[in-house]
Amino acid sequence: MLESLPRLLNATKLTIELTILSLFFGLFVGIFFALLRTSKNKLLYFISYYYSYILRGTPLLVQIFIIYFGLGQVEWIRESMLWIVLKEPYSCAIIAFTLNTGAYSSEIFRSAFETVNIGILEAAKGLGINKINTFFKIKLPIAIKQSLPAYGNEMILMLKGTSLASTVTLLDLTGVAKHIISTTFRPVEVFIVAGSIYLLMTFIIHNFIKFLEKKYDYN
């Protein structure tokens, strides 16, 4: 366990990187599709609805395989500029994680947008505040504050979901743990250390969200 710890800690850097990038891009994707979902335009509504339905209704592992292995089977993709990105396991993992967390985030933010008190928005309109300023200065901050607990859970799920990056040859925390096990044949000890590292990162995220809730007086 002590011998495997340094290698696992070093691999944790990639796990953290995958998590942060996926959550960063997924946040914008989630907000974008949440806005489409609340749109009165039926086409935009259905695009957002089925994006969320399909991505949340299929396993993340399947999504990774389709992007990494499946798209490479399409000839015109291999001959296009897209292949520069899609041939790399790292970028494929980021795309899969972003789309997946974006789907879950869109539902979280949609619900938060719909719970914003209509009276506040009407008051802003009465004061002559335009729709753009109303959204960015009033509606979005309120929605983000209301969605903190649910989004905190999504952050933790995304952290654990990055363990699937090892299936496309990335040596993240889980990938390195599997490699160590293949040479030492000590799965219990190695996975105890790896699991403890995941637990520590989960503990940090959990307390970070609690800090934000207290700071912005969520209750």
C-alpha atoms as a PDB file:
ATOM      1  CA  MET A   1       0.000   0.000   0.000  1.00  0.00           C
ATOM      2  CA  LEU A   2       2.818   2.404   0.838  1.00  0.00           C
ATOM      3  CA  GLU A   3       4.699   1.512  -2.340  1.00  0.00           C
ATOM      4  CA  SER A   4       1.678   2.190  -4.537  1.00  0.00           C
ATOM      5  CA  LEU A   5       0.729   5.479  -2.855  1.00  0.00           C
ATOM      6  CA  PRO A   6       3.214   7.785  -4.704  1.00  0.00           C
ATOM      7  CA  ARG A   7       2.198   6.474  -8.126  1.00  0.00           C
ATOM      8  CA  LEU A   8      -1.490   6.749  -7.295  1.00  0.00           C
ATOM      9  CA  LEU A   9      -1.079  10.293  -5.988  1.00  0.00           C
ATOM     10  CA  ASN A  10       0.737  11.251  -9.176  1.00  0.00           C
ATOM     11  CA  ALA A  11      -2.109   9.779 -11.257  1.00  0.00           C
ATOM     12  CA  THR A  12      -4.594  11.762  -9.189  1.00  0.00           C
ATOM     13  CA  LYS A  13      -3.431  14.893 -11.062  1.00  0.00           C
ATOM     14  CA  LEU A  14      -5.029  13.572 -14.259  1.00  0.00           C
ATOM     15  CA  THR A  15      -8.222  12.627 -12.430  1.00  0.00           C
ATOM     16  CA  ILE A  16      -8.508  16.146 -10.993  1.00  0.00           C
ATOM     17  CA  GLU A  17      -7.748  17.667 -14.402  1.00  0.00           C
ATOM     18  CA  LEU A  18     -10.427  15.591 -16.119  1.00  0.00           C
ATOM     19  CA  THR A  19     -12.952  16.468 -13.425  1.00  0.00           C
ATOM     20  CA  ILE A  20     -12.287  20.218 -13.474  1.00  0.00           C
ATOM     21  CA  LEU A  21     -12.311  20.537 -17.270  1.00  0.00           C
ATOM     22  CA  SER A  22     -15.444  18.413 -17.643  1.00  0.00           C
ATOM     23  CA  LEU A  23     -17.308  20.366 -14.974  1.00  0.00           C
ATOM     24  CA  PHE A  24     -16.132  23.697 -16.412  1.00  0.00           C
ATOM     25  CA  PHE A  25     -17.331  22.986 -19.946  1.00  0.00           C
ATOM     26  CA  GLY A  26     -20.323  21.029 -18.676  1.00  0.00           C
ATOM     27  CA  LEU A  27     -21.475  24.039 -16.641  1.00  0.00           C
ATOM     28  CA  PHE A  28     -21.850  26.155 -19.778  1.00  0.00           C
ATOM     29  CA  VAL A  29     -23.455  23.278 -21.680  1.00  0.00           C
ATOM     30  CA  GLY A  30     -25.888  22.719 -18.814  1.00  0.00           C
ATOM     31  CA  ILE A  31     -26.919  26.370 -18.556  1.00  0.00           C
ATOM     32  CA  PHE A  32     -27.302  26.607 -22.347  1.00  0.00           C
ATOM     33  CA  PHE A  33     -29.596  23.593 -22.600  1.00  0.00           C
ATOM     34  CA  ALA A  34     -31.489  24.644 -19.473  1.00  0.00           C
ATOM     35  CA  LEU A  35     -32.320  27.917 -21.226  1.00  0.00           C
ATOM     36  CA  LEU A  36     -33.438  26.007 -24.311  1.00  0.00           C
ATOM     37  CA  ARG A  37     -35.616  23.819 -22.092  1.00  0.00           C
ATOM     38  CA  THR A  38     -37.371  26.863 -20.656  1.00  0.00           C
ATOM     39  CA  SER A  39     -37.817  28.393 -24.111  1.00  0.00           C
ATOM     40  CA  LYS A  40     -41.296  28.791 -25.577  1.00  0.00           C
ATOM     41  CA  ASN A  41     -39.932  27.652 -28.933  1.00  0.00           C
ATOM     42  CA  LYS A  42     -41.028  24.014 -29.305  1.00  0.00           C
ATOM     43  CA  LEU A  43     -38.072  23.045 -31.512  1.00  0.00           C
ATOM     44  CA  LEU A  44     -35.527  24.370 -28.993  1.00  0.00           C
ATOM     45  CA  TYR A  45     -37.467  22.703 -26.184  1.00  0.00           C
ATOM     46  CA  PHE A  46     -37.440  19.284 -27.857  1.00  0.00           C
ATOM     47  CA  ILE A  47     -33.730  19.561 -28.764  1.00  0.00           C
ATOM     48  CA  SER A  48     -32.898  20.202 -25.121  1.00  0.00           C
ATOM     49  CA  TYR A  49     -35.338  17.567 -23.860  1.00  0.00           C
ATOM     50  CA  TYR A  50     -34.007  14.741 -26.017  1.00  0.00           C
ATOM     51  CA  TYR A  51     -30.379  15.729 -25.406  1.00  0.00           C
ATOM     52  CA  SER A  52     -30.992  15.379 -21.687  1.00  0.00           C
ATOM     53  CA  TYR A  53     -33.142  12.256 -22.076  1.00  0.00           C
ATOM     54  CA  ILE A  54     -30.601  10.377 -24.211  1.00  0.00           C
ATOM     55  CA  LEU A  55     -27.482  11.361 -22.271  1.00  0.00           C
ATOM     56  CA  ARG A  56     -29.055  10.661 -18.872  1.00  0.00           C
ATOM     57  CA  GLY A  57     -30.710   7.482 -20.105  1.00  0.00           C
ATOM     58  CA  THR A  58     -27.568   5.753 -21.367  1.00  0.00           C
ATOM     59  CA  PRO A  59     -24.484   4.656 -19.390  1.00  0.00           C
ATOM     60  CA  LEU A  60     -21.484   6.972 -19.411  1.00  0.00           C
ATOM     61  CA  LEU A  61     -19.284   4.023 -20.404  1.00  0.00           C
ATOM     62  CA  VAL A  62     -21.362   3.495 -23.560  1.00  0.00           C
ATOM     63  CA  GLN A  63     -21.071   7.186 -24.408  1.00  0.00           C
ATOM     64  CA  ILE A  64     -17.283   7.065 -24.067  1.00  0.00           C
ATOM     65  CA  PHE A  65     -17.063   3.989 -26.294  1.00  0.00           C
ATOM     66  CA  ILE A  66     -19.290   5.542 -28.959  1.00  0.00           C
ATOM     67  CA  ILE A  67     -17.191   8.718 -29.076  1.00  0.00           C
ATOM     68  CA  TYR A  68     -13.777   7.038 -28.888  1.00  0.00           C
ATOM     69  CA  PHE A  69     -14.329   3.774 -30.774  1.00  0.00           C
ATOM     70  CA  GLY A  70     -17.553   4.421 -32.693  1.00  0.00           C
ATOM     71  CA  LEU A  71     -16.877   7.763 -34.368  1.00  0.00           C
ATOM     72  CA  GLY A  72     -13.520   6.498 -35.576  1.00  0.00           C
ATOM     73  CA  GLN A  73     -15.362   3.974 -37.727  1.00  0.00           C
ATOM     74  CA  VAL A  74     -17.003   6.746 -39.760  1.00  0.00           C
ATOM     75  CA  GLU A  75     -14.827   7.397 -42.809  1.00  0.00           C
ATOM     76  CA  TRP A  76     -15.726  11.057 -43.384  1.00  0.00           C
ATOM     77  CA  ILE A  77     -14.872  11.843 -39.746  1.00  0.00           C
ATOM     78  CA  ARG A  78     -11.427  10.239 -40.125  1.00  0.00           C
ATOM     79  CA  GLU A  79     -10.845  12.388 -43.198  1.00  0.00           C
ATOM     80  CA  SER A  80     -12.053  15.622 -41.610  1.00  0.00           C
ATOM     81  CA  MET A  81     -10.508  18.110 -39.189  1.00  0.00           C
ATOM     82  CA  LEU A  82     -12.553  16.483 -36.413  1.00  0.00           C
ATOM     83  CA  TRP A  83     -10.200  13.507 -36.446  1.00  0.00           C
ATOM     84  CA  ILE A  84      -7.432  15.670 -34.957  1.00  0.00           C
ATOM     85  CA  VAL A  85      -9.526  15.810 -31.786  1.00  0.00           C
ATOM     86  CA  LEU A  86     -11.379  12.503 -31.907  1.00  0.00           C
ATOM     87  CA  LYS A  87      -8.299  10.335 -32.396  1.00  0.00           C
ATOM     88  CA  GLU A  88      -6.980  11.301 -28.964  1.00  0.00           C
ATOM     89  CA  PRO A  89      -8.348   9.410 -25.937  1.00  0.00           C
ATOM     90  CA  TYR A  90      -7.881  12.456 -23.693  1.00  0.00           C
ATOM     91  CA  SER A  91     -10.061  14.761 -25.798  1.00  0.00           C
ATOM     92  CA  CYS A  92     -12.652  12.001 -26.345  1.00  0.00           C
ATOM     93  CA  ALA A  93     -12.917  11.503 -22.586  1.00  0.00           C
ATOM     94  CA  ILE A  94     -13.350  15.246 -22.018  1.00  0.00           C
ATOM     95  CA  ILE A  95     -16.080  15.406 -24.680  1.00  0.00           C
ATOM     96  CA  ALA A  96     -17.938  12.410 -23.223  1.00  0.00           C
ATOM     97  CA  PHE A  97     -17.713  13.681 -19.643  1.00  0.00           C
ATOM     98  CA  THR A  98     -18.735  17.211 -20.678  1.00  0.00           C
ATOM     99  CA  LEU A  99     -21.804  16.040 -22.586  1.00  0.00           C
ATOM    100  CA  ASN A 100     -22.806  13.725 -19.754  1.00  0.00           C
ATOM    101  CA  THR A 101     -22.463  16.211 -16.915  1.00  0.00           C
ATOM    102  CA  GLY A 102     -24.010  18.883 -19.144  1.00  0.00           C
ATOM    103  CA  ALA A 103     -27.161  16.770 -19.478  1.00  0.00           C
ATOM    104  CA  TYR A 104     -27.526  16.329 -15.731  1.00  0.00           C
ATOM    105  CA  SER A 105     -26.623  19.963 -15.067  1.00  0.00           C
ATOM    106  CA  SER A 106     -29.247  21.158 -17.555  1.00  0.00           C
ATOM    107  CA  GLU A 107     -31.952  19.467 -15.490  1.00  0.00           C
ATOM    108  CA  ILE A 108     -30.553  20.945 -12.284  1.00  0.00           C
ATOM    109  CA  PHE A 109     -30.464  24.480 -13.684  1.00  0.00           C
ATOM    110  CA  ARG A 110     -33.812  24.126 -15.461  1.00  0.00           C
ATOM    111  CA  SER A 111     -35.440  23.316 -12.157  1.00  0.00           C
ATOM    112  CA  ALA A 112     -33.609  26.208 -10.495  1.00  0.00           C
ATOM    113  CA  PHE A 113     -34.657  28.679 -13.207  1.00  0.00           C
ATOM    114  CA  GLU A 114     -38.279  27.638 -12.866  1.00  0.00           C
ATOM    115  CA  THR A 115     -38.264  28.231  -9.094  1.00  0.00           C
ATOM    116  CA  VAL A 116     -37.053  31.837  -9.359  1.00  0.00           C
ATOM    117  CA  ASN A 117     -39.810  34.019  -7.955  1.00  0.00           C
ATOM    118  CA  ILE A 118     -41.673  35.619 -10.858  1.00  0.00           C
ATOM    119  CA  GLY A 119     -42.295  38.679  -8.696  1.00  0.00           C
ATOM    120  CA  ILE A 120     -38.566  39.443  -8.624  1.00  0.00           C
ATOM    121  CA  LEU A 121     -38.389  39.351 -12.413  1.00  0.00           C
ATOM    122  CA  GLU A 122     -41.462  41.545 -12.731  1.00  0.00           C
ATOM    123  CA  ALA A 123     -39.952  44.030 -10.291  1.00  0.00           C
ATOM    124  CA  ALA A 124     -36.776  44.169 -12.368  1.00  0.00           C
ATOM    125  CA  LYS A 125     -38.864  44.773 -15.483  1.00  0.00           C
ATOM    126  CA  GLY A 126     -40.750  47.521 -13.686  1.00  0.00           C
ATOM    127  CA  LEU A 127     -37.472  49.220 -12.807  1.00  0.00           C
ATOM    128  CA  GLY A 128     -36.532  49.281 -16.465  1.00  0.00           C
ATOM    129  CA  ILE A 129     -33.785  46.640 -16.257  1.00  0.00           C
ATOM    130  CA  ASN A 130     -33.347  44.961 -19.642  1.00  0.00           C
ATOM    131  CA  LYS A 131     -33.669  41.199 -20.077  1.00  0.00           C
ATOM    132  CA  ILE A 132     -29.918  40.557 -20.404  1.00  0.00           C
ATOM    133  CA  ASN A 133     -29.045  42.347 -17.154  1.00  0.00           C
ATOM    134  CA  THR A 134     -32.024  40.744 -15.436  1.00  0.00           C
ATOM    135  CA  PHE A 135     -30.776  37.302 -16.426  1.00  0.00           C
ATOM    136  CA  PHE A 136     -27.091  37.757 -15.527  1.00  0.00           C
ATOM    137  CA  LYS A 137     -27.508  39.907 -12.412  1.00  0.00           C
ATOM    138  CA  ILE A 138     -30.711  38.499 -10.933  1.00  0.00           C
ATOM    139  CA  LYS A 139     -32.039  35.262 -12.409  1.00  0.00           C
ATOM    140  CA  LEU A 140     -28.747  33.386 -12.934  1.00  0.00           C
ATOM    141  CA  PRO A 141     -27.246  34.162  -9.471  1.00  0.00           C
ATOM    142  CA  ILE A 142     -30.477  33.104  -7.755  1.00  0.00           C
ATOM    143  CA  ALA A 143     -30.666  29.897  -9.810  1.00  0.00           C
ATOM    144  CA  ILE A 144     -27.039  29.019  -9.098  1.00  0.00           C
ATOM    145  CA  LYS A 145     -27.537  29.558  -5.364  1.00  0.00           C
ATOM    146  CA  GLN A 146     -30.641  27.374  -5.353  1.00  0.00           C
ATOM    147  CA  SER A 147     -28.931  24.619  -7.343  1.00  0.00           C
ATOM    148  CA  LEU A 148     -25.801  24.364  -5.161  1.00  0.00           C
ATOM    149  CA  PRO A 149     -26.775  21.197  -3.210  1.00  0.00           C
ATOM    150  CA  ALA A 150     -27.852  19.290  -6.326  1.00  0.00           C
ATOM    151  CA  TYR A 151     -24.890  20.515  -8.361  1.00  0.00           C
ATOM    152  CA  GLY A 152     -22.541  19.503  -5.543  1.00  0.00           C
ATOM    153  CA  ASN A 153     -23.805  15.936  -5.926  1.00  0.00           C
ATOM    154  CA  GLU A 154     -23.201  16.160  -9.682  1.00  0.00           C
ATOM    155  CA  MET A 155     -19.610  17.286  -9.061  1.00  0.00           C
ATOM    156  CA  ILE A 156     -19.028  14.228  -6.883  1.00  0.00           C
ATOM    157  CA  LEU A 157     -20.637  11.911  -9.451  1.00  0.00           C
ATOM    158  CA  MET A 158     -18.457  13.414 -12.191  1.00  0.00           C
ATOM    159  CA  LEU A 159     -15.338  12.885 -10.086  1.00  0.00           C
ATOM    160  CA  LYS A 160     -16.189   9.202  -9.707  1.00  0.00           C
ATOM    161  CA  GLY A 161     -17.238   8.994 -13.348  1.00  0.00           C
ATOM    162  CA  THR A 162     -13.754   9.966 -14.506  1.00  0.00           C
ATOM    163  CA  SER A 163     -12.609   6.511 -13.386  1.00  0.00           C
ATOM    164  CA  LEU A 164     -14.008   5.289 -16.721  1.00  0.00           C
ATOM    165  CA  ALA A 165     -11.243   7.193 -18.520  1.00  0.00           C
ATOM    166  CA  SER A 166      -9.059   4.159 -17.900  1.00  0.00           C
ATOM    167  CA  THR A 167     -11.185   2.222 -20.410  1.00  0.00           C
ATOM    168  CA  VAL A 168      -9.747   4.355 -23.225  1.00  0.00           C
ATOM    169  CA  THR A 169      -6.115   3.886 -22.106  1.00  0.00           C
ATOM    170  CA  LEU A 170      -5.819   7.017 -19.944  1.00  0.00           C
ATOM    171  CA  LEU A 171      -3.703   6.496 -16.852  1.00  0.00           C
ATOM    172  CA  ASP A 172      -5.846   8.285 -14.339  1.00  0.00           C
ATOM    173  CA  LEU A 173      -6.131   7.160 -10.706  1.00  0.00           C
ATOM    174  CA  THR A 174      -8.133   4.037 -11.582  1.00  0.00           C
ATOM    175  CA  GLY A 175      -6.014   3.294 -14.643  1.00  0.00           C
ATOM    176  CA  VAL A 176      -2.769   3.362 -12.665  1.00  0.00           C
ATOM    177  CA  ALA A 177      -4.376   1.267  -9.919  1.00  0.00           C
ATOM    178  CA  LYS A 178      -5.252  -1.397 -12.500  1.00  0.00           C
ATOM    179  CA  HIS A 179      -1.712  -1.294 -13.869  1.00  0.00           C
ATOM    180  CA  ILE A 180      -0.198  -1.742 -10.407  1.00  0.00           C
ATOM    181  CA  ILE A 181      -2.554  -4.651  -9.717  1.00  0.00           C
ATOM    182  CA  SER A 182      -1.535  -6.359 -12.976  1.00  0.00           C
ATOM    183  CA  THR A 183       2.085  -6.438 -11.784  1.00  0.00           C
ATOM    184  CA  THR A 184       1.654  -6.983  -8.031  1.00  0.00           C
ATOM    185  CA  PHE A 185      -1.522  -9.109  -7.954  1.00  0.00           C
ATOM    186  CA  ARG A 186      -2.621  -7.236  -4.811  1.00  0.00           C
ATOM    187  CA  PRO A 187      -6.029  -5.774  -5.795  1.00  0.00           C
ATOM    188  CA  VAL A 188      -7.426  -5.269  -2.300  1.00  0.00           C
ATOM    189  CA  GLU A 189      -4.523  -3.204  -0.996  1.00  0.00           C
ATOM    190  CA  VAL A 190      -4.223  -1.061  -4.122  1.00  0.00           C
ATOM    191  CA  PHE A 191      -7.937  -0.362  -4.416  1.00  0.00           C
ATOM    192  CA  ILE A 192      -8.123   0.525  -0.718  1.00  0.00           C
ATOM    193  CA  VAL A 193      -5.521   3.246  -1.328  1.00  0.00           C
ATOM    194  CA  ALA A 194      -7.210   4.402  -4.553  1.00  0.00           C
ATOM    195  CA  GLY A 195     -10.616   4.427  -2.884  1.00  0.00           C
ATOM    196  CA  SER A 196      -9.247   6.436   0.025  1.00  0.00           C
ATOM    197  CA  ILE A 197      -7.931   9.075  -2.385  1.00  0.00           C
ATOM    198  CA  TYR A 198     -11.337   9.285  -4.093  1.00  0.00           C
ATOM    199  CA  LEU A 199     -12.971   9.564  -0.674  1.00  0.00           C
ATOM    200  CA  LEU A 200     -10.647  12.418   0.280  1.00  0.00           C
ATOM    201  CA  MET A 201     -11.469  14.322  -2.912  1.00  0.00           C
ATOM    202  CA  THR A 202     -15.185  13.725  -2.320  1.00  0.00           C
ATOM    203  CA  PHE A 203     -14.795  15.066   1.217  1.00  0.00           C
ATOM    204  CA  ILE A 204     -13.156  18.242  -0.146  1.00  0.00           C
ATOM    205  CA  ILE A 205     -15.927  18.820  -2.716  1.00  0.00           C
ATOM    206  CA  HIS A 206     -18.638  18.164  -0.127  1.00  0.00           C
ATOM    207  CA  ASN A 207     -17.204  20.701   2.302  1.00  0.00           C
ATOM    208  CA  PHE A 208     -16.563  23.226  -0.468  1.00  0.00           C
ATOM    209  CA  ILE A 209     -20.253  23.141  -1.402  1.00  0.00           C
ATOM    210  CA  LYS A 210     -21.252  23.456   2.271  1.00  0.00           C
ATOM    211  CA  PHE A 211     -18.965  26.489   2.552  1.00  0.00           C
ATOM    212  CA  LEU A 212     -20.624  28.108  -0.484  1.00  0.00           C
ATOM    213  CA  GLU A 213     -24.081  27.397   0.905  1.00  0.00           C
ATOM    214  CA  LYS A 214     -23.212  29.120   4.177  1.00  0.00           C
ATOM    215  CA  LYS A 215     -21.433  31.991   2.437  1.00  0.00           C
ATOM    216  CA  TYR A 216     -24.425  32.774   0.245  1.00  0.00           C
ATOM    217  CA  ASP A 217     -26.902  32.056   3.038  1.00  0.00           C
ATOM    218  CA  TYR A 218     -28.628  29.269   1.125  1.00  0.00           C
ATOM    219  CA  ASN A 219     -30.982  28.444   3.961  1.00  0.00           C
END
